Amino acid sequence: MKANEVRDLGEESLPIGAGEAVREDRGSRAWREIWSAIRHDKRALAGLCIIVSFATIGLIAPYASPYDPFALLGAPYQPPSWRHILGTDNLGRDVLSQVIWGARVSLFVGIVVALVVTAIGVTVGLIAATSHSLVDEVLMRFCDILIIIPKLPLTIFVAAMLGRGIWNIIAVLAAFGWPAMARMVRSEALSVKQRPYVDAARMAGASQLQITFLIILPNILPLVMANAILTIISGIMSEASLSFLGLGDPSQMSWGTIIYFAQMGGAIYNGGWAWVTAPGLCIALMGLGTNFFGSTVNLIANPRLRRR
């Protein structure tokens, strides 16, 4: 059988033309199922609305913020008013402006960390699933070592060694966040690798590279996307943790940095409750939104969860 006689990479062998339609249908079927589930799931819709709202706020922060988040505007610890809806901090800076700009910085960190973690995890997972058993063993044992090491103390130590900086935090979080993604991708890739249409493609003359990127990767992509969404809030919370400990970038007003400044400025003892609670509530709401949305996508993309 020649390679050009088989165009379908997921069903039985089909003639040219019909195979193209089936392959296109399989590629879009999972996405249609995900969108249909989101439209009929109130939690997923609520999660999507929360994510879109914060993303919009972050994008229009220069226009939505009433003041410069670092501008000294008057007396410290002013109570909430029409001029300062969330009051001011210990230096007289507007808290609402800080929270709005914090959405921009925190989402940037979360998204970049998720992208880097996903890229590394997918690459390592696919290499482990499609390579020789020795390569697979070495890569998975390395992942196991990184997974069993306590993550928070390790990230704190490395972040302290690298020094303050938003890119240093992103590098640290990405460096220690990809093993779980790699193991998930490897597991799913091995499952897809055993399916009949992969054998059909191999018999038709498809190379290992073609099988990996044209068959295996498209089939696991929805599940990868679901885990990437959940990685965003993990990055935001980890950045907030490091910033709260004084390892964040003081020149960037993230939600974690705001909480750090509030703690250092004695917000609770001076009546600045909004200064503390506003960024904390934003982190909690963003976590709720990504969990609702990501869990629904994961439920549709992962057949094993649907059978439970």
C-alpha atoms as a PDB file:
ATOM      1  CA  MET A   1       0.000   0.000   0.000  1.00  0.00           C
ATOM      2  CA  LYS A   2       1.403   3.392  -0.963  1.00  0.00           C
ATOM      3  CA  ALA A   3       1.405   6.413   1.283  1.00  0.00           C
ATOM      4  CA  ASN A   4      -0.824   8.492  -1.001  1.00  0.00           C
ATOM      5  CA  GLU A   5      -3.508   5.789  -1.012  1.00  0.00           C
ATOM      6  CA  VAL A   6      -4.299   6.399   2.629  1.00  0.00           C
ATOM      7  CA  ARG A   7      -5.167   9.902   3.722  1.00  0.00           C
ATOM      8  CA  ASP A   8      -7.129   9.123   6.859  1.00  0.00           C
ATOM      9  CA  LEU A   9      -4.959   9.076   9.963  1.00  0.00           C
ATOM     10  CA  GLY A  10      -7.683   8.157  12.420  1.00  0.00           C
ATOM     11  CA  GLU A  11     -10.130   5.768  10.760  1.00  0.00           C
ATOM     12  CA  GLU A  12      -9.881   2.796   8.447  1.00  0.00           C
ATOM     13  CA  SER A  13      -8.159   3.281   5.117  1.00  0.00           C
ATOM     14  CA  LEU A  14     -10.204   5.543   2.877  1.00  0.00           C
ATOM     15  CA  PRO A  15      -9.776   6.662  -0.705  1.00  0.00           C
ATOM     16  CA  ILE A  16      -8.274  10.029  -1.454  1.00  0.00           C
ATOM     17  CA  GLY A  17     -10.811  12.800  -0.909  1.00  0.00           C
ATOM     18  CA  ALA A  18     -12.957  10.928   1.605  1.00  0.00           C
ATOM     19  CA  GLY A  19      -9.926  10.577   3.869  1.00  0.00           C
ATOM     20  CA  GLU A  20      -9.385  14.335   3.888  1.00  0.00           C
ATOM     21  CA  ALA A  21     -12.955  14.961   5.016  1.00  0.00           C
ATOM     22  CA  VAL A  22     -12.751  12.394   7.805  1.00  0.00           C
ATOM     23  CA  ARG A  23      -9.411  13.706   9.040  1.00  0.00           C
ATOM     24  CA  GLU A  24     -10.761  17.265   9.098  1.00  0.00           C
ATOM     25  CA  ASP A  25     -13.911  16.086  10.877  1.00  0.00           C
ATOM     26  CA  ARG A  26     -11.891  14.308  13.575  1.00  0.00           C
ATOM     27  CA  GLY A  27      -9.719  17.354  14.113  1.00  0.00           C
ATOM     28  CA  SER A  28     -12.715  19.610  14.735  1.00  0.00           C
ATOM     29  CA  ARG A  29     -14.986  17.114  16.514  1.00  0.00           C
ATOM     30  CA  ALA A  30     -13.296  17.462  19.892  1.00  0.00           C
ATOM     31  CA  TRP A  31     -13.420  21.262  19.720  1.00  0.00           C
ATOM     32  CA  ARG A  32     -17.118  21.176  18.803  1.00  0.00           C
ATOM     33  CA  GLU A  33     -17.818  18.902  21.756  1.00  0.00           C
ATOM     34  CA  ILE A  34     -15.907  21.213  24.092  1.00  0.00           C
ATOM     35  CA  TRP A  35     -17.747  24.325  22.885  1.00  0.00           C
ATOM     36  CA  SER A  36     -21.109  22.544  23.100  1.00  0.00           C
ATOM     37  CA  ALA A  37     -20.350  21.462  26.661  1.00  0.00           C
ATOM     38  CA  ILE A  38     -19.290  24.983  27.637  1.00  0.00           C
ATOM     39  CA  ARG A  39     -22.493  26.497  26.218  1.00  0.00           C
ATOM     40  CA  HIS A  40     -24.625  24.075  28.232  1.00  0.00           C
ATOM     41  CA  ASP A  41     -22.612  24.189  31.451  1.00  0.00           C
ATOM     42  CA  LYS A  42     -23.330  27.141  33.747  1.00  0.00           C
ATOM     43  CA  ARG A  43     -20.088  26.680  35.688  1.00  0.00           C
ATOM     44  CA  ALA A  44     -18.017  26.686  32.508  1.00  0.00           C
ATOM     45  CA  LEU A  45     -19.777  29.802  31.227  1.00  0.00           C
ATOM     46  CA  ALA A  46     -19.268  31.530  34.568  1.00  0.00           C
ATOM     47  CA  GLY A  47     -15.589  30.565  34.521  1.00  0.00           C
ATOM     48  CA  LEU A  48     -15.167  31.812  30.966  1.00  0.00           C
ATOM     49  CA  CYS A  49     -16.836  35.120  31.861  1.00  0.00           C
ATOM     50  CA  ILE A  50     -14.505  35.587  34.841  1.00  0.00           C
ATOM     51  CA  ILE A  51     -11.408  34.839  32.749  1.00  0.00           C
ATOM     52  CA  VAL A  52     -12.507  37.147  29.909  1.00  0.00           C
ATOM     53  CA  SER A  53     -13.376  39.916  32.392  1.00  0.00           C
ATOM     54  CA  PHE A  54      -9.973  39.874  34.060  1.00  0.00           C
ATOM     55  CA  ALA A  55      -8.214  39.570  30.703  1.00  0.00           C
ATOM     56  CA  THR A  56     -10.125  42.598  29.428  1.00  0.00           C
ATOM     57  CA  ILE A  57      -9.281  44.590  32.547  1.00  0.00           C
ATOM     58  CA  GLY A  58      -5.622  43.687  32.114  1.00  0.00           C
ATOM     59  CA  LEU A  59      -5.591  44.711  28.459  1.00  0.00           C
ATOM     60  CA  ILE A  60      -7.242  48.088  29.043  1.00  0.00           C
ATOM     61  CA  ALA A  61      -5.465  48.804  32.345  1.00  0.00           C
ATOM     62  CA  PRO A  62      -3.798  52.015  31.056  1.00  0.00           C
ATOM     63  CA  TYR A  63      -7.242  53.376  30.159  1.00  0.00           C
ATOM     64  CA  ALA A  64      -9.366  51.815  32.930  1.00  0.00           C
ATOM     65  CA  SER A  65      -7.056  52.821  35.779  1.00  0.00           C
ATOM     66  CA  PRO A  66      -8.113  56.172  37.263  1.00  0.00           C
ATOM     67  CA  TYR A  67      -4.564  56.964  38.437  1.00  0.00           C
ATOM     68  CA  ASP A  68      -0.982  55.845  38.041  1.00  0.00           C
ATOM     69  CA  PRO A  69      -0.588  52.946  40.513  1.00  0.00           C
ATOM     70  CA  PHE A  70       2.671  54.450  41.835  1.00  0.00           C
ATOM     71  CA  ALA A  71       1.470  58.086  42.010  1.00  0.00           C
ATOM     72  CA  LEU A  72       1.364  59.717  45.463  1.00  0.00           C
ATOM     73  CA  LEU A  73      -2.071  61.314  45.590  1.00  0.00           C
ATOM     74  CA  GLY A  74      -2.607  62.528  49.131  1.00  0.00           C
ATOM     75  CA  ALA A  75      -3.038  61.329  52.687  1.00  0.00           C
ATOM     76  CA  PRO A  76      -2.300  57.673  53.472  1.00  0.00           C
ATOM     77  CA  TYR A  77      -4.992  55.173  54.455  1.00  0.00           C
ATOM     78  CA  GLN A  78      -7.882  57.206  53.110  1.00  0.00           C
ATOM     79  CA  PRO A  79     -11.139  55.248  53.450  1.00  0.00           C
ATOM     80  CA  PRO A  80     -13.095  54.214  50.352  1.00  0.00           C
ATOM     81  CA  SER A  81     -14.750  57.179  48.653  1.00  0.00           C
ATOM     82  CA  TRP A  82     -15.951  58.296  45.232  1.00  0.00           C
ATOM     83  CA  ARG A  83     -12.474  59.633  44.491  1.00  0.00           C
ATOM     84  CA  HIS A  84     -10.687  56.523  45.740  1.00  0.00           C
ATOM     85  CA  ILE A  85     -13.148  53.636  45.544  1.00  0.00           C
ATOM     86  CA  LEU A  86     -10.873  51.247  47.473  1.00  0.00           C
ATOM     87  CA  GLY A  87      -9.099  53.937  49.455  1.00  0.00           C
ATOM     88  CA  THR A  88      -5.364  54.604  49.471  1.00  0.00           C
ATOM     89  CA  ASP A  89      -2.324  52.757  50.798  1.00  0.00           C
ATOM     90  CA  ASN A  90       0.304  53.829  53.326  1.00  0.00           C
ATOM     91  CA  LEU A  91       1.866  56.198  50.779  1.00  0.00           C
ATOM     92  CA  GLY A  92      -1.368  57.705  49.522  1.00  0.00           C
ATOM     93  CA  ARG A  93      -1.493  55.667  46.298  1.00  0.00           C
ATOM     94  CA  ASP A  94      -4.850  54.630  44.842  1.00  0.00           C
ATOM     95  CA  VAL A  95      -5.590  50.957  45.661  1.00  0.00           C
ATOM     96  CA  LEU A  96      -8.081  50.462  42.811  1.00  0.00           C
ATOM     97  CA  SER A  97      -5.471  51.532  40.265  1.00  0.00           C
ATOM     98  CA  GLN A  98      -3.017  49.076  41.801  1.00  0.00           C
ATOM     99  CA  VAL A  99      -5.533  46.224  41.571  1.00  0.00           C
ATOM    100  CA  ILE A 100      -6.339  47.022  37.925  1.00  0.00           C
ATOM    101  CA  TRP A 101      -2.669  47.096  36.961  1.00  0.00           C
ATOM    102  CA  GLY A 102      -2.144  43.999  39.098  1.00  0.00           C
ATOM    103  CA  ALA A 103      -4.522  42.083  36.814  1.00  0.00           C
ATOM    104  CA  ARG A 104      -2.309  42.969  33.852  1.00  0.00           C
ATOM    105  CA  VAL A 105       0.938  41.836  35.478  1.00  0.00           C
ATOM    106  CA  SER A 106      -0.442  38.734  37.220  1.00  0.00           C
ATOM    107  CA  LEU A 107      -2.192  37.479  34.082  1.00  0.00           C
ATOM    108  CA  PHE A 108       0.953  38.115  32.061  1.00  0.00           C
ATOM    109  CA  VAL A 109       2.976  35.983  34.471  1.00  0.00           C
ATOM    110  CA  GLY A 110       0.337  33.228  34.544  1.00  0.00           C
ATOM    111  CA  ILE A 111      -0.063  33.056  30.772  1.00  0.00           C
ATOM    112  CA  VAL A 112       3.664  33.120  30.002  1.00  0.00           C
ATOM    113  CA  VAL A 113       4.359  30.445  32.630  1.00  0.00           C
ATOM    114  CA  ALA A 114       1.537  28.306  31.202  1.00  0.00           C
ATOM    115  CA  LEU A 115       2.871  28.683  27.645  1.00  0.00           C
ATOM    116  CA  VAL A 116       6.442  27.772  28.606  1.00  0.00           C
ATOM    117  CA  VAL A 117       5.347  24.876  30.838  1.00  0.00           C
ATOM    118  CA  THR A 118       3.090  23.544  28.075  1.00  0.00           C
ATOM    119  CA  ALA A 119       5.794  23.843  25.406  1.00  0.00           C
ATOM    120  CA  ILE A 120       8.402  22.021  27.514  1.00  0.00           C
ATOM    121  CA  GLY A 121       5.939  19.450  28.847  1.00  0.00           C
ATOM    122  CA  VAL A 122       4.509  18.585  25.418  1.00  0.00           C
ATOM    123  CA  THR A 123       7.986  18.306  23.881  1.00  0.00           C
ATOM    124  CA  VAL A 124       9.382  16.084  26.641  1.00  0.00           C
ATOM    125  CA  GLY A 125       6.203  13.990  26.839  1.00  0.00           C
ATOM    126  CA  LEU A 126       6.094  13.327  23.093  1.00  0.00           C
ATOM    127  CA  ILE A 127       9.797  12.488  22.970  1.00  0.00           C
ATOM    128  CA  ALA A 128       9.397  10.049  25.874  1.00  0.00           C
ATOM    129  CA  ALA A 129       6.320   8.395  24.320  1.00  0.00           C
ATOM    130  CA  THR A 130       7.781   7.964  20.841  1.00  0.00           C
ATOM    131  CA  SER A 131      11.461   7.273  21.577  1.00  0.00           C
ATOM    132  CA  HIS A 132      13.459   4.248  22.646  1.00  0.00           C
ATOM    133  CA  SER A 133      12.607   2.799  26.058  1.00  0.00           C
ATOM    134  CA  LEU A 134      15.938   3.991  27.505  1.00  0.00           C
ATOM    135  CA  VAL A 135      15.208   7.608  26.544  1.00  0.00           C
ATOM    136  CA  ASP A 136      11.715   7.259  27.988  1.00  0.00           C
ATOM    137  CA  GLU A 137      13.081   5.848  31.243  1.00  0.00           C
ATOM    138  CA  VAL A 138      15.682   8.593  31.671  1.00  0.00           C
ATOM    139  CA  LEU A 139      13.220  11.409  30.972  1.00  0.00           C
ATOM    140  CA  MET A 140      10.521  10.010  33.277  1.00  0.00           C
ATOM    141  CA  ARG A 141      12.943   9.399  36.149  1.00  0.00           C
ATOM    142  CA  PHE A 142      14.140  12.992  35.812  1.00  0.00           C
ATOM    143  CA  CYS A 143      10.509  14.134  35.949  1.00  0.00           C
ATOM    144  CA  ASP A 144       9.951  12.009  39.051  1.00  0.00           C
ATOM    145  CA  ILE A 145      12.910  13.632  40.790  1.00  0.00           C
ATOM    146  CA  LEU A 146      11.574  17.129  40.090  1.00  0.00           C
ATOM    147  CA  ILE A 147       8.062  16.141  41.177  1.00  0.00           C
ATOM    148  CA  ILE A 148       9.030  14.614  44.542  1.00  0.00           C
ATOM    149  CA  ILE A 149      11.253  17.554  45.538  1.00  0.00           C
ATOM    150  CA  PRO A 150       9.201  20.039  47.612  1.00  0.00           C
ATOM    151  CA  LYS A 151       8.364  22.679  45.022  1.00  0.00           C
ATOM    152  CA  LEU A 152       7.785  25.761  47.162  1.00  0.00           C
ATOM    153  CA  PRO A 153      11.076  25.656  49.138  1.00  0.00           C
ATOM    154  CA  LEU A 154      12.987  24.945  45.929  1.00  0.00           C
ATOM    155  CA  THR A 155      11.405  27.824  44.019  1.00  0.00           C
ATOM    156  CA  ILE A 156      11.964  30.161  46.975  1.00  0.00           C
ATOM    157  CA  PHE A 157      15.652  29.180  47.133  1.00  0.00           C
ATOM    158  CA  VAL A 158      16.250  29.551  43.381  1.00  0.00           C
ATOM    159  CA  ALA A 159      14.271  32.810  43.177  1.00  0.00           C
ATOM    160  CA  ALA A 160      16.295  34.229  46.058  1.00  0.00           C
ATOM    161  CA  MET A 161      19.520  33.225  44.278  1.00  0.00           C
ATOM    162  CA  LEU A 162      18.460  34.812  40.977  1.00  0.00           C
ATOM    163  CA  GLY A 163      17.237  38.007  42.595  1.00  0.00           C
ATOM    164  CA  ARG A 164      14.121  40.067  42.144  1.00  0.00           C
ATOM    165  CA  GLY A 165      12.617  40.392  38.697  1.00  0.00           C
ATOM    166  CA  ILE A 166       9.441  39.366  36.912  1.00  0.00           C
ATOM    167  CA  TRP A 167      11.348  37.323  34.331  1.00  0.00           C
ATOM    168  CA  ASN A 168      13.308  35.543  37.049  1.00  0.00           C
ATOM    169  CA  ILE A 169      10.029  34.469  38.658  1.00  0.00           C
ATOM    170  CA  ILE A 170       8.690  33.262  35.299  1.00  0.00           C
ATOM    171  CA  ALA A 171      11.901  31.299  34.671  1.00  0.00           C
ATOM    172  CA  VAL A 172      11.799  29.644  38.105  1.00  0.00           C
ATOM    173  CA  LEU A 173       8.112  28.714  37.898  1.00  0.00           C
ATOM    174  CA  ALA A 174       8.464  27.331  34.366  1.00  0.00           C
ATOM    175  CA  ALA A 175      11.628  25.395  35.212  1.00  0.00           C
ATOM    176  CA  PHE A 176       9.904  23.426  37.970  1.00  0.00           C
ATOM    177  CA  GLY A 177       6.355  23.329  36.600  1.00  0.00           C
ATOM    178  CA  TRP A 178       6.655  21.217  33.450  1.00  0.00           C
ATOM    179  CA  PRO A 179       7.183  17.626  34.779  1.00  0.00           C
ATOM    180  CA  ALA A 180       3.494  17.031  35.575  1.00  0.00           C
ATOM    181  CA  MET A 181       2.523  18.217  32.080  1.00  0.00           C
ATOM    182  CA  ALA A 182       5.190  15.964  30.539  1.00  0.00           C
ATOM    183  CA  ARG A 183       3.897  12.887  32.377  1.00  0.00           C
ATOM    184  CA  MET A 184       0.318  13.621  31.337  1.00  0.00           C
ATOM    185  CA  VAL A 185       1.308  14.109  27.686  1.00  0.00           C
ATOM    186  CA  ARG A 186       3.374  10.909  27.709  1.00  0.00           C
ATOM    187  CA  SER A 187       0.496   8.909  29.177  1.00  0.00           C
ATOM    188  CA  GLU A 188      -2.025  10.179  26.636  1.00  0.00           C
ATOM    189  CA  ALA A 189       0.430   9.843  23.738  1.00  0.00           C
ATOM    190  CA  LEU A 190       1.107   6.188  24.640  1.00  0.00           C
ATOM    191  CA  SER A 191      -2.649   5.586  24.672  1.00  0.00           C
ATOM    192  CA  VAL A 192      -3.130   7.155  21.235  1.00  0.00           C
ATOM    193  CA  LYS A 193      -0.067   5.313  19.938  1.00  0.00           C
ATOM    194  CA  GLN A 194      -1.803   1.955  20.503  1.00  0.00           C
ATOM    195  CA  ARG A 195      -4.887   2.781  18.442  1.00  0.00           C
ATOM    196  CA  PRO A 196      -5.532   1.044  15.108  1.00  0.00           C
ATOM    197  CA  TYR A 197      -5.392   4.135  12.938  1.00  0.00           C
ATOM    198  CA  VAL A 198      -1.792   4.761  14.032  1.00  0.00           C
ATOM    199  CA  ASP A 199      -0.850   1.297  12.780  1.00  0.00           C
ATOM    200  CA  ALA A 200      -2.725   2.022   9.545  1.00  0.00           C
ATOM    201  CA  ALA A 201      -0.770   5.237   9.049  1.00  0.00           C
ATOM    202  CA  ARG A 202       2.512   3.454   9.764  1.00  0.00           C
ATOM    203  CA  MET A 203       1.669   0.728   7.240  1.00  0.00           C
ATOM    204  CA  ALA A 204       0.818   3.425   4.712  1.00  0.00           C
ATOM    205  CA  GLY A 205       4.368   4.743   4.979  1.00  0.00           C
ATOM    206  CA  ALA A 206       3.959   7.652   7.400  1.00  0.00           C
ATOM    207  CA  SER A 207       7.170   8.549   9.221  1.00  0.00           C
ATOM    208  CA  GLN A 208       7.458   8.722  13.001  1.00  0.00           C
ATOM    209  CA  LEU A 209       7.560  12.508  12.779  1.00  0.00           C
ATOM    210  CA  GLN A 210       4.331  12.575  10.771  1.00  0.00           C
ATOM    211  CA  ILE A 211       2.617  10.193  13.174  1.00  0.00           C
ATOM    212  CA  THR A 212       3.709  12.285  16.162  1.00  0.00           C
ATOM    213  CA  PHE A 213       2.646  15.680  14.856  1.00  0.00           C
ATOM    214  CA  LEU A 214      -0.266  14.755  12.541  1.00  0.00           C
ATOM    215  CA  ILE A 215      -1.950  12.038  14.611  1.00  0.00           C
ATOM    216  CA  ILE A 216      -0.821  11.911  18.240  1.00  0.00           C
ATOM    217  CA  LEU A 217      -0.520  15.643  18.955  1.00  0.00           C
ATOM    218  CA  PRO A 218      -3.922  16.674  17.484  1.00  0.00           C
ATOM    219  CA  ASN A 219      -5.636  13.929  19.486  1.00  0.00           C
ATOM    220  CA  ILE A 220      -4.182  15.051  22.825  1.00  0.00           C
ATOM    221  CA  LEU A 221      -4.375  18.799  22.118  1.00  0.00           C
ATOM    222  CA  PRO A 222      -7.747  19.414  23.867  1.00  0.00           C
ATOM    223  CA  LEU A 223      -6.457  17.773  27.034  1.00  0.00           C
ATOM    224  CA  VAL A 224      -3.240  19.786  26.817  1.00  0.00           C
ATOM    225  CA  MET A 225      -5.291  22.973  26.499  1.00  0.00           C
ATOM    226  CA  ALA A 226      -7.357  22.076  29.575  1.00  0.00           C
ATOM    227  CA  ASN A 227      -4.229  21.557  31.672  1.00  0.00           C
ATOM    228  CA  ALA A 228      -2.660  24.743  30.293  1.00  0.00           C
ATOM    229  CA  ILE A 229      -5.689  26.733  31.481  1.00  0.00           C
ATOM    230  CA  LEU A 230      -5.297  25.292  34.980  1.00  0.00           C
ATOM    231  CA  THR A 231      -1.572  26.107  34.861  1.00  0.00           C
ATOM    232  CA  ILE A 232      -2.399  29.817  34.482  1.00  0.00           C
ATOM    233  CA  ILE A 233      -3.837  30.110  37.993  1.00  0.00           C
ATOM    234  CA  SER A 234      -0.999  27.974  39.338  1.00  0.00           C
ATOM    235  CA  GLY A 235       1.454  30.514  37.920  1.00  0.00           C
ATOM    236  CA  ILE A 236      -0.531  33.447  39.334  1.00  0.00           C
ATOM    237  CA  MET A 237      -0.706  31.919  42.811  1.00  0.00           C
ATOM    238  CA  SER A 238       2.962  30.915  42.795  1.00  0.00           C
ATOM    239  CA  GLU A 239       3.980  34.430  41.752  1.00  0.00           C
ATOM    240  CA  ALA A 240       1.787  35.845  44.518  1.00  0.00           C
ATOM    241  CA  SER A 241       3.442  33.524  47.042  1.00  0.00           C
ATOM    242  CA  LEU A 242       6.945  34.548  46.003  1.00  0.00           C
ATOM    243  CA  SER A 243       5.995  38.244  45.935  1.00  0.00           C
ATOM    244  CA  PHE A 244       4.407  37.998  49.375  1.00  0.00           C
ATOM    245  CA  LEU A 245       7.725  36.657  50.680  1.00  0.00           C
ATOM    246  CA  GLY A 246       9.540  39.665  49.217  1.00  0.00           C
ATOM    247  CA  LEU A 247      10.962  37.883  46.170  1.00  0.00           C
ATOM    248  CA  GLY A 248       8.777  39.650  43.599  1.00  0.00           C
ATOM    249  CA  ASP A 249       9.569  42.613  41.420  1.00  0.00           C
ATOM    250  CA  PRO A 250       8.703  45.810  43.358  1.00  0.00           C
ATOM    251  CA  SER A 251       8.645  47.802  40.120  1.00  0.00           C
ATOM    252  CA  GLN A 252       5.746  45.693  38.777  1.00  0.00           C
ATOM    253  CA  MET A 253       2.386  46.004  40.514  1.00  0.00           C
ATOM    254  CA  SER A 254       1.095  42.423  40.544  1.00  0.00           C
ATOM    255  CA  TRP A 255      -1.581  41.165  42.922  1.00  0.00           C
ATOM    256  CA  GLY A 256       1.095  39.407  44.959  1.00  0.00           C
ATOM    257  CA  THR A 257       3.191  42.566  45.163  1.00  0.00           C
ATOM    258  CA  ILE A 258       0.152  44.527  46.393  1.00  0.00           C
ATOM    259  CA  ILE A 259      -0.388  42.024  49.209  1.00  0.00           C
ATOM    260  CA  TYR A 260       3.320  42.232  50.072  1.00  0.00           C
ATOM    261  CA  PHE A 261       3.186  46.053  50.257  1.00  0.00           C
ATOM    262  CA  ALA A 262      -0.008  45.841  52.354  1.00  0.00           C
ATOM    263  CA  GLN A 263       1.614  43.440  54.784  1.00  0.00           C
ATOM    264  CA  MET A 264       4.773  45.551  55.043  1.00  0.00           C
ATOM    265  CA  GLY A 265       2.721  48.733  55.437  1.00  0.00           C
ATOM    266  CA  GLY A 266       0.596  47.358  58.266  1.00  0.00           C
ATOM    267  CA  ALA A 267      -2.665  47.639  56.343  1.00  0.00           C
ATOM    268  CA  ILE A 268      -4.686  45.523  58.774  1.00  0.00           C
ATOM    269  CA  TYR A 269      -3.554  47.502  61.828  1.00  0.00           C
ATOM    270  CA  ASN A 270      -4.278  50.833  60.133  1.00  0.00           C
ATOM    271  CA  GLY A 271      -7.722  50.035  58.775  1.00  0.00           C
ATOM    272  CA  GLY A 272      -6.668  49.438  55.174  1.00  0.00           C
ATOM    273  CA  TRP A 273      -8.763  46.304  54.761  1.00  0.00           C
ATOM    274  CA  ALA A 274      -9.518  46.948  51.093  1.00  0.00           C
ATOM    275  CA  TRP A 275      -5.794  47.131  50.365  1.00  0.00           C
ATOM    276  CA  VAL A 276      -5.428  43.529  51.556  1.00  0.00           C
ATOM    277  CA  THR A 277      -8.716  41.944  50.543  1.00  0.00           C
ATOM    278  CA  ALA A 278      -9.078  43.326  46.986  1.00  0.00           C
ATOM    279  CA  PRO A 279      -6.041  41.578  45.439  1.00  0.00           C
ATOM    280  CA  GLY A 280      -6.751  38.451  47.465  1.00  0.00           C
ATOM    281  CA  LEU A 281     -10.322  38.320  46.160  1.00  0.00           C
ATOM    282  CA  CYS A 282      -9.061  38.829  42.602  1.00  0.00           C
ATOM    283  CA  ILE A 283      -6.717  35.844  42.947  1.00  0.00           C
ATOM    284  CA  ALA A 284      -9.528  33.746  44.420  1.00  0.00           C
ATOM    285  CA  LEU A 285     -11.979  34.730  41.661  1.00  0.00           C
ATOM    286  CA  MET A 286      -9.420  34.039  38.944  1.00  0.00           C
ATOM    287  CA  GLY A 287      -8.732  30.644  40.508  1.00  0.00           C
ATOM    288  CA  LEU A 288     -12.454  29.897  40.597  1.00  0.00           C
ATOM    289  CA  GLY A 289     -12.898  30.918  36.967  1.00  0.00           C
ATOM    290  CA  THR A 290      -9.988  28.877  35.613  1.00  0.00           C
ATOM    291  CA  ASN A 291     -11.036  25.874  37.703  1.00  0.00           C
ATOM    292  CA  PHE A 292     -14.620  25.971  36.432  1.00  0.00           C
ATOM    293  CA  PHE A 293     -13.593  26.450  32.809  1.00  0.00           C
ATOM    294  CA  GLY A 294     -10.555  24.171  32.801  1.00  0.00           C
ATOM    295  CA  SER A 295     -12.375  21.342  34.601  1.00  0.00           C
ATOM    296  CA  THR A 296     -15.158  21.336  32.014  1.00  0.00           C
ATOM    297  CA  VAL A 297     -12.688  21.247  29.126  1.00  0.00           C
ATOM    298  CA  ASN A 298     -10.758  18.491  30.901  1.00  0.00           C
ATOM    299  CA  LEU A 299     -13.952  16.489  31.436  1.00  0.00           C
ATOM    300  CA  ILE A 300     -14.756  16.551  27.716  1.00  0.00           C
ATOM    301  CA  ALA A 301     -11.187  16.030  26.508  1.00  0.00           C
ATOM    302  CA  ASN A 302     -10.438  13.126  28.860  1.00  0.00           C
ATOM    303  CA  PRO A 303     -12.633  10.082  28.092  1.00  0.00           C
ATOM    304  CA  ARG A 304     -11.624   8.387  31.352  1.00  0.00           C
ATOM    305  CA  LEU A 305     -13.176  11.219  33.368  1.00  0.00           C
ATOM    306  CA  ARG A 306     -16.381  11.074  31.302  1.00  0.00           C
ATOM    307  CA  ARG A 307     -16.831   7.379  32.121  1.00  0.00           C
ATOM    308  CA  ARG A 308     -16.791   8.043  35.885  1.00  0.00           C
END
